[in-house]
Protein backbone atom coordinates (compact mmCIF):
# COMPACT_ATOMS: atom_id res chain seq x y z
CA MET A 1 25.35 -32.16 -89.41
CA LYS A 2 21.86 -30.53 -89.36
CA PHE A 3 20.28 -33.63 -90.72
CA VAL A 4 21.71 -35.74 -88.03
CA VAL A 5 20.46 -33.56 -85.36
CA LEU A 6 17.03 -33.49 -86.82
CA LEU A 7 17.12 -37.39 -86.97
CA LEU A 8 18.23 -37.33 -83.24
CA LEU A 9 15.43 -35.04 -82.38
CA ILE A 10 12.86 -37.35 -84.10
CA TRP A 11 14.42 -40.45 -82.38
CA VAL A 12 14.59 -38.78 -78.94
CA ASN A 13 10.89 -37.69 -79.05
CA ASP A 14 9.79 -41.24 -79.89
CA PRO A 15 8.02 -42.25 -76.58
CA ASN A 16 7.80 -45.83 -77.51
CA ASP A 17 11.63 -46.41 -77.51
CA ILE A 18 11.85 -48.51 -74.38
CA ALA A 19 15.62 -48.92 -74.93
CA LEU A 20 16.31 -45.08 -74.88
CA ILE A 21 14.30 -44.77 -71.70
CA ASN A 22 16.09 -47.55 -69.85
CA ALA A 23 19.47 -46.03 -71.11
CA TYR A 24 18.48 -42.70 -69.34
CA LYS A 25 17.26 -44.45 -66.32
CA GLU A 26 20.49 -46.20 -66.18
CA GLY A 27 22.46 -43.10 -66.73
CA ALA A 28 20.78 -41.13 -64.03
CA GLU A 29 21.20 -43.82 -61.54
CA LYS A 30 24.99 -43.90 -62.28
CA SER A 31 25.18 -40.15 -61.91
CA PHE A 32 23.48 -40.29 -58.57
CA LEU A 33 25.62 -43.03 -57.34
CA ALA A 34 28.78 -41.18 -58.63
CA GLU A 35 27.32 -38.21 -56.55
CA ASP A 36 26.97 -36.18 -59.61
CA PHE A 37 23.53 -35.01 -58.42
CA SER A 38 23.28 -32.16 -61.00
CA GLN A 39 23.68 -34.47 -63.76
CA ALA A 40 21.31 -36.96 -62.17
CA VAL A 41 18.68 -34.00 -62.06
CA THR A 42 19.15 -33.22 -65.77
CA GLN A 43 18.73 -36.89 -66.86
CA TYR A 44 15.69 -37.45 -64.50
CA LYS A 45 14.01 -34.28 -65.90
CA PHE A 46 14.67 -35.34 -69.48
CA LEU A 47 13.06 -38.64 -68.76
CA MET A 48 9.97 -36.94 -67.42
CA ASP A 49 9.78 -33.85 -69.57
CA SER A 50 11.01 -35.22 -73.03
CA LEU A 51 10.35 -38.82 -72.77
CA ASN A 52 7.04 -38.37 -70.91
CA VAL A 53 8.11 -40.99 -68.20
CA ASN A 54 5.83 -40.69 -65.13
CA GLU A 55 7.06 -43.08 -62.75
CA ASP A 56 6.97 -42.93 -58.90
CA ALA A 57 10.55 -44.01 -58.48
CA ILE A 58 11.67 -41.23 -60.80
CA HIS A 59 9.92 -38.63 -58.82
CA LEU A 60 11.41 -40.04 -55.68
CA ASN A 61 14.83 -40.18 -56.98
CA LEU A 62 14.46 -36.70 -58.48
CA GLY A 63 13.57 -35.41 -55.05
CA HIS A 64 16.73 -37.17 -53.58
CA ALA A 65 18.93 -35.47 -56.15
CA TYR A 66 17.43 -32.01 -55.57
CA HIS A 67 17.84 -32.54 -51.87
CA GLN A 68 21.59 -33.25 -52.33
CA ILE A 69 22.35 -30.02 -54.42
CA GLY A 70 20.40 -28.20 -51.58
CA ASP A 71 17.31 -27.32 -53.64
CA THR A 72 14.79 -28.13 -51.02
CA ALA A 73 11.85 -26.51 -52.67
CA GLN A 74 12.25 -28.61 -55.72
CA ALA A 75 13.00 -31.47 -53.60
CA ARG A 76 9.57 -30.99 -51.66
CA THR A 77 7.83 -30.76 -54.99
CA ALA A 78 9.15 -33.98 -56.08
CA TYR A 79 8.54 -36.01 -52.91
CA ASN A 80 4.95 -34.69 -52.65
CA GLN A 81 4.34 -36.19 -56.21
CA ALA A 82 5.89 -39.30 -54.80
CA THR A 83 3.51 -39.47 -51.81
CA LEU A 84 0.73 -40.10 -54.26
CA SER A 85 2.18 -43.54 -55.07
CA SER A 86 0.21 -46.81 -54.41
CA ASN A 87 3.71 -48.27 -53.41
CA THR A 88 3.45 -47.99 -49.64
CA ALA A 89 7.12 -48.54 -49.17
CA LEU A 90 8.07 -45.79 -51.68
CA LYS A 91 5.26 -43.57 -50.25
CA SER A 92 6.63 -44.00 -46.62
CA ILE A 93 10.19 -42.95 -47.95
CA ALA A 94 8.76 -39.84 -49.62
CA TYR A 95 6.93 -38.68 -46.38
CA GLN A 96 10.11 -39.41 -44.41
CA GLN A 97 12.06 -37.20 -46.54
CA LEU A 98 9.53 -34.49 -46.15
CA GLY A 99 9.99 -34.89 -42.42
CA VAL A 100 13.63 -34.58 -42.76
CA ILE A 101 13.48 -31.39 -44.63
CA SER A 102 10.99 -29.86 -42.09
CA LYS A 103 13.34 -30.79 -39.36
CA SER A 104 16.25 -29.14 -41.02
CA ASN A 105 14.13 -26.00 -41.29
CA GLU A 106 13.44 -26.22 -37.48
CA ASN A 107 9.63 -26.95 -38.07
CA LEU A 108 9.47 -29.81 -35.82
CA LYS A 109 5.66 -29.86 -35.52
CA GLU A 110 5.39 -30.20 -39.38
CA SER A 111 8.30 -32.76 -39.27
CA LEU A 112 6.56 -34.87 -36.75
CA THR A 113 3.30 -34.96 -38.95
CA TYR A 114 5.07 -36.16 -41.94
CA LEU A 115 6.90 -38.76 -39.96
CA LYS A 116 3.87 -40.08 -38.58
CA ALA A 117 2.47 -40.36 -42.14
CA SER A 118 5.60 -42.17 -43.10
CA ILE A 119 5.16 -44.80 -40.25
CA LYS A 120 1.40 -45.18 -41.09
CA ALA A 121 2.18 -45.85 -44.70
CA ASN A 122 4.85 -48.34 -43.84
CA PRO A 123 5.13 -49.62 -40.06
CA ALA A 124 8.25 -51.50 -41.03
CA ASN A 125 10.27 -48.30 -41.84
CA LEU A 126 12.41 -48.20 -38.81
CA GLU A 127 14.41 -45.32 -40.11
CA ALA A 128 11.16 -43.19 -40.02
CA LYS A 129 10.47 -44.49 -36.34
CA TYR A 130 14.01 -43.42 -35.25
CA ASP A 131 13.53 -39.93 -36.77
CA PHE A 132 10.03 -39.66 -35.24
CA GLU A 133 11.59 -40.29 -31.75
CA LEU A 134 14.39 -38.04 -32.25
CA VAL A 135 11.96 -35.14 -33.47
CA LYS A 136 9.65 -35.79 -30.42
CA LYS A 137 12.48 -35.66 -27.97
CA LEU A 138 13.70 -32.45 -29.63
CA MET A 139 10.15 -31.03 -29.22
CA GLN A 140 10.01 -31.94 -25.73
CA GLU A 141 13.45 -30.30 -24.91
CA ASN A 142 12.35 -27.19 -26.90
CA LYS A 143 9.17 -27.22 -24.70
CA GLU A 144 11.11 -27.53 -21.27
CA ASP A 145 13.72 -24.81 -22.56
CA GLN A 146 10.76 -22.59 -23.48
CA GLU A 147 9.11 -23.20 -20.03
CA ASP A 148 12.42 -22.49 -18.49
CA LYS A 149 12.96 -19.37 -20.40
CA GLU A 150 9.43 -18.30 -19.33
CA ASP A 151 10.07 -19.16 -15.73
CA GLN A 152 13.32 -17.26 -15.80
CA GLU A 153 11.55 -14.16 -17.42
CA ASP A 154 8.58 -14.52 -14.74
CA LYS A 155 11.35 -14.52 -12.12
CA GLU A 156 13.17 -11.58 -13.44
CA ASP A 157 9.97 -9.75 -13.71
CA GLN A 158 9.02 -10.56 -10.20
CA GLU A 159 12.58 -9.55 -8.92
CA ASN A 160 12.39 -6.27 -10.72
CA LYS A 161 8.86 -5.57 -9.29
CA GLU A 162 10.11 -6.46 -5.88
CA ASP A 163 13.16 -4.20 -6.24
CA GLN A 164 10.90 -1.37 -7.59
CA GLU A 165 8.71 -1.80 -4.64
CA ASN A 166 11.58 -1.91 -2.29
CA LYS A 167 12.97 1.07 -3.84
CA GLU A 168 9.55 3.05 -3.43
CA ASP A 169 9.27 1.81 0.19
CA GLN A 170 12.81 3.08 1.05
CA GLU A 171 12.09 6.40 -0.67
CA ASN A 172 8.71 6.78 1.31
CA LYS A 173 10.57 5.79 4.45
CA GLU A 174 13.27 8.34 3.75
CA ASP A 175 10.61 11.01 3.25
CA GLN A 176 8.85 10.07 6.52
CA GLU A 177 12.13 10.32 8.36
CA SER A 178 12.98 13.55 6.87
CA ASP A 179 9.60 14.80 7.68
CA SER A 180 9.91 13.58 11.16
CA GLU A 181 13.32 15.20 11.62
CA ASN A 182 11.90 18.47 10.38
CA GLU A 183 9.09 18.23 12.72
CA GLU A 184 11.53 17.56 15.61
CA GLN A 185 13.75 20.40 14.39
CA LYS A 186 10.80 22.71 14.52
CA ASP A 187 9.66 21.48 17.91
CA GLN A 188 13.32 21.96 19.23
CA GLU A 189 13.54 25.55 18.01
CA SER A 190 10.22 26.38 19.19
CA ASP A 191 11.07 25.01 22.72
CA GLU A 192 14.44 26.83 22.63
CA GLN A 193 12.78 29.87 21.61
CA GLU A 194 10.38 29.48 24.69
CA GLN A 195 13.17 28.84 26.93
CA ASN A 196 15.08 31.72 25.77
CA GLN A 197 11.97 33.91 26.39
CA LYS A 198 11.87 32.43 29.84
CA ASP A 199 15.47 32.97 30.56
CA ASP A 200 15.73 36.56 29.41
CA PRO A 201 14.04 39.01 31.66
CA SER A 202 11.36 41.36 30.14
CA GLU A 203 11.63 45.28 30.04
CA GLU A 204 9.17 45.55 32.78
CA GLU A 205 11.30 43.15 35.08
CA ASN A 206 14.56 45.09 34.21
CA GLN A 207 12.80 48.19 35.09
CA ASP A 208 11.67 46.86 38.35
CA GLU A 209 15.18 45.59 39.03
CA SER A 210 16.78 48.94 38.32
CA ALA A 211 14.33 50.95 40.10
CA PRO A 212 15.76 49.92 43.81
CA GLU A 213 19.28 50.73 42.43
CA ASP A 214 18.19 54.21 41.20
CA ALA A 215 16.42 54.89 44.44
CA SER A 216 19.34 53.84 46.56
CA ASP A 217 21.64 56.15 44.23
CA GLU A 218 19.19 58.88 44.86
CA LYS A 219 19.10 58.33 48.55
CA SER A 220 22.95 58.37 48.72
CA GLU A 221 23.10 61.65 46.85
CA ALA A 222 20.38 63.13 49.29
CA ASP A 223 22.17 61.89 52.27
CA LYS A 224 25.41 63.51 50.93
CA SER A 225 23.63 66.85 50.24
CA THR A 226 22.23 66.76 53.68
CA GLN A 227 25.52 65.99 55.27
CA GLU A 228 26.97 69.02 53.51
CA LYS A 229 24.22 71.38 54.57
CA LEU A 230 24.78 70.14 58.27
CA ALA A 231 28.51 70.87 57.99
CA GLU A 232 27.66 74.35 56.81
CA MET A 233 25.72 74.79 59.99
CA ASN A 234 28.61 73.73 62.17
CA ILE A 235 26.90 70.50 63.37
CA SER A 236 29.31 67.78 64.27
CA PRO A 237 29.40 64.73 62.07
CA GLU A 238 28.20 62.50 64.93
CA LYS A 239 25.11 64.66 65.42
CA ALA A 240 24.68 64.93 61.67
CA GLU A 241 24.60 61.15 61.55
CA MET A 242 21.93 60.95 64.06
CA ILE A 243 19.79 63.35 62.36
CA LEU A 244 20.26 61.58 59.13
CA GLU A 245 19.42 58.10 60.79
CA ALA A 246 16.24 59.75 62.18
CA MET A 247 15.17 61.05 58.86
CA ARG A 248 15.81 57.70 57.31
CA ASN A 249 13.61 55.98 60.03
CA GLY A 250 10.90 58.49 59.39
CA GLU A 251 10.87 57.65 55.54
CA ILE A 252 10.73 54.03 56.33
CA GLN A 253 7.89 54.48 58.60
CA TYR A 254 6.08 56.39 55.95
CA ILE A 255 6.63 53.77 53.26
CA GLN A 256 5.32 51.08 55.52
CA GLN A 257 2.20 53.09 56.14
CA GLN A 258 1.60 53.61 52.60
CA LYS A 259 2.03 49.92 51.92
CA ARG A 260 -0.53 49.02 54.77
CA LYS A 261 -3.01 51.43 53.47
CA ALA A 262 -2.79 50.00 50.02
CA LYS A 263 -3.26 46.49 51.45
CA GLU A 264 -6.29 47.54 53.42
CA LYS A 265 -7.89 48.96 50.31
CA GLN A 266 -7.26 45.51 48.37
CA ASP A 267 -8.87 43.54 51.48
CA LYS A 268 -11.84 45.91 51.91
CA GLY A 269 -14.21 43.59 50.09
CA LYS A 270 -13.33 40.69 52.25
CA PRO A 271 -15.11 39.89 55.48
CA ASP A 272 -13.43 41.34 58.67
CA TRP A 273 -13.02 37.96 60.33
């Protein structure tokens, strides 16, 4: 068994065995068409690594197989190797596939660059042209969405700024109104205080007003005392009243004379005429 294995290893490592190379090529193609992409990767890698087959078609198909199993990193490596091909049709497909991978990763700018290269390599590649227009449209839509987003953000920022300014203006207005109300209240209280001072008589006025009443009371008591003394002297009430009246008239004349003298003193500095 070990001998057979040894012979097989010697046989497999023979690079000149065209039949073996063709057999692996055919097997890899069948695995790919059967959608057994993992097996296809193994067979293509064996052709490249063990049988030293370095063909552009194998690099391209290996890239397809890696792409199908989701290994985009290895797929990109294989496609990049295929872009070095002198076969323009194969080269165009390799660039197109790199553009598809970039589009899947949402790197639209990079995708558009690969697709441009694909069309340049083979202007007859209609699929590459379709992908190019699709990616270009997506980029335009994304640009418009970004502009709309920025416009919306600017609008929101402006609205927030206006709201803040309106809030500050309202607060300033309320502060001014409050200050004005306080000033008005102070003025009103001051006016009321002045009015109360005007309405309330001073102590001097109270004394002046109470003086005549006190004098009248004293006069009544004096008249009463005089009447009592006249009664003790057996003077009739009628005669006593006449005597009191005469005394009152005398007092009045005396007061008037005192007032006249005071007035003459005040007018002494004025001309006689």
